[in-house]
Amino acid sequence: MPANYAISNLRSKLGVLVRPNNFSVEITCNLKLTELTNRIKDTFEFRCEKAELPGRTIATSENTGSGPTIKLGYDMTYNDIQLSVICANDMNERIFFESWMDFIIKPGGYGAGDQAGTIAYYSDYALGNKLTVSQLNDFGYPILTYECMDIYPIALTPMNATWEETNTYQRFGVTLAYRYHTFKEYVYTPPTKK
């Protein structure tokens, strides 16, 4: 085996790998949603069991002038974010997202009156809302932080109610749309041993 492919060489070249279970998540909302956000501000970071670091795509068009075709970028598309959330006895996180969706589009049903189906202004339900997702190192310090701006929920997954599942906990998924994201890189220098 050539020396370049020795296990010791591979380990030294890979370095310390990032673990997907080292992350933090935070939601901050605009003033219109402050009362809703207060329900989850102290617990959400611990009850969000799974998040995604966001992705994006450059939309392209093909220029078929003379010669080989060239793809030219013309827009940035941001992928929706998926979260998985654990439910405690208070169900605060589920109630938070259900209430937020009801704020966006008023539901029909008993007592809805002429408000059923009315749609809130984007500036009220999305503008200024932020989802912050950070990848942490093994010491709990952020390596990379994404801020997804102007977020709002577009889908909640159903929750199982079954006698078959006894030794587990209730959870649900939420899909968040957002306008754009930014990222920040952190440089962390581990402490030296004395």
Protein backbone atom coordinates (compact mmCIF):
# COMPACT_ATOMS: atom_id res chain seq x y z
CA MET A 1 0.00 0.00 0.00
CA PRO A 2 1.45 3.41 -0.92
CA ALA A 3 2.38 5.62 2.04
CA ASN A 4 -0.13 8.32 0.96
CA TYR A 5 -3.04 5.99 1.76
CA ALA A 6 -1.90 4.77 5.17
CA ILE A 7 -4.52 4.95 7.95
CA SER A 8 -2.34 7.35 9.98
CA ASN A 9 -2.10 9.65 6.98
CA LEU A 10 -5.86 9.51 6.45
CA ARG A 11 -6.54 10.39 10.11
CA SER A 12 -4.14 13.32 10.08
CA LYS A 13 -5.58 14.69 6.82
CA LEU A 14 -9.21 14.36 7.97
CA GLY A 15 -8.61 16.22 11.20
CA VAL A 16 -11.35 16.52 13.84
CA LEU A 17 -14.74 15.87 12.29
CA VAL A 18 -17.91 17.80 13.11
CA ARG A 19 -20.71 15.85 14.79
CA PRO A 20 -24.30 16.43 13.64
CA ASN A 21 -25.63 16.20 17.21
CA ASN A 22 -23.71 19.34 18.22
CA PHE A 23 -26.09 22.12 17.20
CA SER A 24 -28.27 24.86 18.59
CA VAL A 25 -31.49 26.40 17.30
CA GLU A 26 -33.24 29.63 18.22
CA ILE A 27 -36.36 31.38 16.91
CA THR A 28 -36.89 35.11 17.35
CA CYS A 29 -40.05 36.77 16.09
CA ASN A 30 -41.28 40.26 15.30
CA LEU A 31 -43.38 42.31 17.72
CA LYS A 32 -46.68 41.01 16.29
CA LEU A 33 -45.72 37.48 17.41
CA THR A 34 -44.03 38.31 20.74
CA GLU A 35 -46.83 36.87 22.86
CA LEU A 36 -46.67 33.59 20.93
CA THR A 37 -42.88 33.44 21.09
CA ASN A 38 -42.86 33.91 24.87
CA ARG A 39 -44.45 30.44 25.18
CA ILE A 40 -41.35 28.70 23.81
CA LYS A 41 -38.40 31.05 24.34
CA ASP A 42 -36.96 29.08 27.29
CA THR A 43 -37.55 25.55 25.96
CA PHE A 44 -37.34 25.53 22.17
CA GLU A 45 -33.57 25.10 21.97
CA PHE A 46 -33.88 21.87 24.00
CA ARG A 47 -37.05 20.54 22.38
CA CYS A 48 -35.91 20.96 18.79
CA GLU A 49 -34.33 17.53 18.31
CA LYS A 50 -33.42 17.92 14.65
CA ALA A 51 -32.72 20.87 12.37
CA GLU A 52 -31.04 21.48 9.04
CA LEU A 53 -28.27 23.79 8.01
CA PRO A 54 -29.97 25.50 5.06
CA GLY A 55 -29.24 24.90 1.41
CA ARG A 56 -29.61 27.09 -1.64
CA THR A 57 -29.55 26.85 -5.40
CA ILE A 58 -28.59 29.27 -8.13
CA ALA A 59 -31.30 29.34 -10.79
CA THR A 60 -29.77 29.33 -14.27
CA SER A 61 -30.79 29.91 -17.87
CA GLU A 62 -28.97 28.55 -20.86
CA ASN A 63 -27.27 30.83 -23.34
CA THR A 64 -27.22 28.93 -26.63
CA GLY A 65 -25.37 31.50 -28.72
CA SER A 66 -22.53 30.25 -30.84
CA GLY A 67 -20.40 27.46 -29.43
CA PRO A 68 -21.10 25.26 -26.41
CA THR A 69 -24.08 26.17 -24.22
CA ILE A 70 -23.33 28.31 -21.17
CA LYS A 71 -25.45 28.30 -18.01
CA LEU A 72 -25.87 31.78 -16.58
CA GLY A 73 -27.06 32.45 -13.05
CA TYR A 74 -29.98 34.83 -12.60
CA ASP A 75 -31.52 34.16 -9.18
CA MET A 76 -30.90 32.51 -5.80
CA THR A 77 -33.42 29.97 -4.52
CA TYR A 78 -33.51 29.07 -0.82
CA ASN A 79 -34.73 25.64 0.29
CA ASP A 80 -37.38 25.30 3.00
CA ILE A 81 -36.10 24.24 6.44
CA GLN A 82 -37.32 21.10 8.22
CA LEU A 83 -37.36 20.88 12.02
CA SER A 84 -38.32 17.98 14.28
CA VAL A 85 -39.68 19.04 17.67
CA ILE A 86 -40.21 17.02 20.87
CA CYS A 87 -43.46 17.60 22.76
CA ALA A 88 -43.58 17.90 26.55
CA ASN A 89 -46.77 17.78 28.64
CA ASP A 90 -47.52 21.46 27.96
CA MET A 91 -47.41 20.98 24.13
CA ASN A 92 -46.21 24.61 23.93
CA GLU A 93 -44.21 24.17 20.74
CA ARG A 94 -47.11 22.55 18.87
CA ILE A 95 -49.50 25.24 20.12
CA PHE A 96 -46.97 27.92 19.07
CA PHE A 97 -46.78 26.71 15.46
CA GLU A 98 -50.53 25.99 15.21
CA SER A 99 -51.29 29.52 16.49
CA TRP A 100 -48.73 31.06 14.12
CA MET A 101 -50.34 29.31 11.15
CA ASP A 102 -53.80 30.46 12.33
CA PHE A 103 -52.41 34.01 12.50
CA ILE A 104 -51.23 33.75 8.87
CA ILE A 105 -54.56 32.46 7.52
CA LYS A 106 -57.57 32.60 9.80
CA PRO A 107 -59.15 29.14 10.01
CA GLY A 108 -62.79 28.43 9.35
CA GLY A 109 -65.06 26.69 11.79
CA TYR A 110 -67.30 27.53 14.68
CA GLY A 111 -67.09 31.17 15.68
CA ALA A 112 -64.86 32.18 12.75
CA GLY A 113 -67.49 34.46 11.26
CA ASP A 114 -66.38 36.67 8.40
CA GLN A 115 -62.69 36.34 9.39
CA ALA A 116 -62.37 32.76 8.04
CA GLY A 117 -59.84 32.54 5.24
CA THR A 118 -58.47 36.06 5.64
CA ILE A 119 -54.75 36.35 5.12
CA ALA A 120 -52.44 38.43 7.31
CA TYR A 121 -49.88 40.82 5.85
CA TYR A 122 -46.42 39.39 5.18
CA SER A 123 -44.96 42.18 7.31
CA ASP A 124 -47.03 40.89 10.26
CA TYR A 125 -46.40 37.13 10.05
CA ALA A 126 -42.89 36.89 8.53
CA LEU A 127 -40.93 40.13 8.29
CA GLY A 128 -38.25 40.31 10.99
CA ASN A 129 -38.63 36.69 12.15
CA LYS A 130 -35.38 34.77 12.36
CA LEU A 131 -34.31 31.15 12.74
CA THR A 132 -30.71 30.77 13.90
CA VAL A 133 -29.07 27.36 13.43
CA SER A 134 -25.50 26.89 14.63
CA GLN A 135 -23.15 23.97 14.10
CA LEU A 136 -21.13 23.58 17.30
CA ASN A 137 -17.79 21.95 17.94
CA ASP A 138 -17.20 19.36 20.66
CA PHE A 139 -16.61 22.16 23.21
CA GLY A 140 -20.01 23.77 22.50
CA TYR A 141 -18.68 26.77 20.57
CA PRO A 142 -20.23 27.74 17.21
CA ILE A 143 -18.25 26.90 14.09
CA LEU A 144 -20.81 28.12 11.57
CA THR A 145 -24.08 29.97 12.18
CA TYR A 146 -26.90 30.42 9.70
CA GLU A 147 -29.59 33.05 10.12
CA CYS A 148 -32.71 32.38 8.06
CA MET A 149 -34.57 35.67 7.69
CA ASP A 150 -38.32 36.33 7.48
CA ILE A 151 -39.32 32.77 8.42
CA TYR A 152 -42.83 31.43 8.81
CA PRO A 153 -44.34 27.93 9.03
CA ILE A 154 -45.88 26.41 5.91
CA ALA A 155 -46.50 22.83 7.08
CA LEU A 156 -46.93 20.82 10.29
CA THR A 157 -46.75 17.04 10.20
CA PRO A 158 -49.46 14.92 11.81
CA MET A 159 -48.75 13.42 15.22
CA ASN A 160 -49.43 9.76 16.00
CA ALA A 161 -51.98 8.86 18.64
CA THR A 162 -51.61 5.11 19.09
CA TRP A 163 -51.61 2.46 21.81
CA GLU A 164 -48.66 0.72 20.13
CA GLU A 165 -46.08 3.35 21.10
CA THR A 166 -45.56 3.31 24.86
CA ASN A 167 -41.84 3.84 25.46
CA THR A 168 -41.32 6.89 23.30
CA TYR A 169 -42.36 10.54 23.23
CA GLN A 170 -44.57 12.62 20.99
CA ARG A 171 -42.89 14.66 18.25
CA PHE A 172 -43.84 16.57 15.14
CA GLY A 173 -42.18 18.11 12.12
CA VAL A 174 -42.49 21.69 10.94
CA THR A 175 -41.48 23.13 7.58
CA LEU A 176 -40.40 26.77 7.54
CA ALA A 177 -40.17 28.99 4.49
CA TYR A 178 -37.85 31.97 4.53
CA ARG A 179 -36.72 34.76 2.24
CA TYR A 180 -32.92 34.42 2.44
CA HIS A 181 -30.16 33.35 4.79
CA THR A 182 -26.78 34.63 5.88
CA PHE A 183 -23.94 32.71 7.46
CA LYS A 184 -21.09 33.52 9.78
CA GLU A 185 -17.92 31.53 10.23
CA TYR A 186 -16.21 31.40 13.62
CA VAL A 187 -12.57 30.64 14.22
CA TYR A 188 -12.07 28.70 17.44
CA THR A 189 -8.66 28.00 18.87
CA PRO A 190 -8.72 25.23 21.48
CA PRO A 191 -6.99 25.98 24.76
CA THR A 192 -3.40 24.78 25.03
CA LYS A 193 -2.40 22.34 27.74
CA LYS A 194 -0.15 23.68 30.45
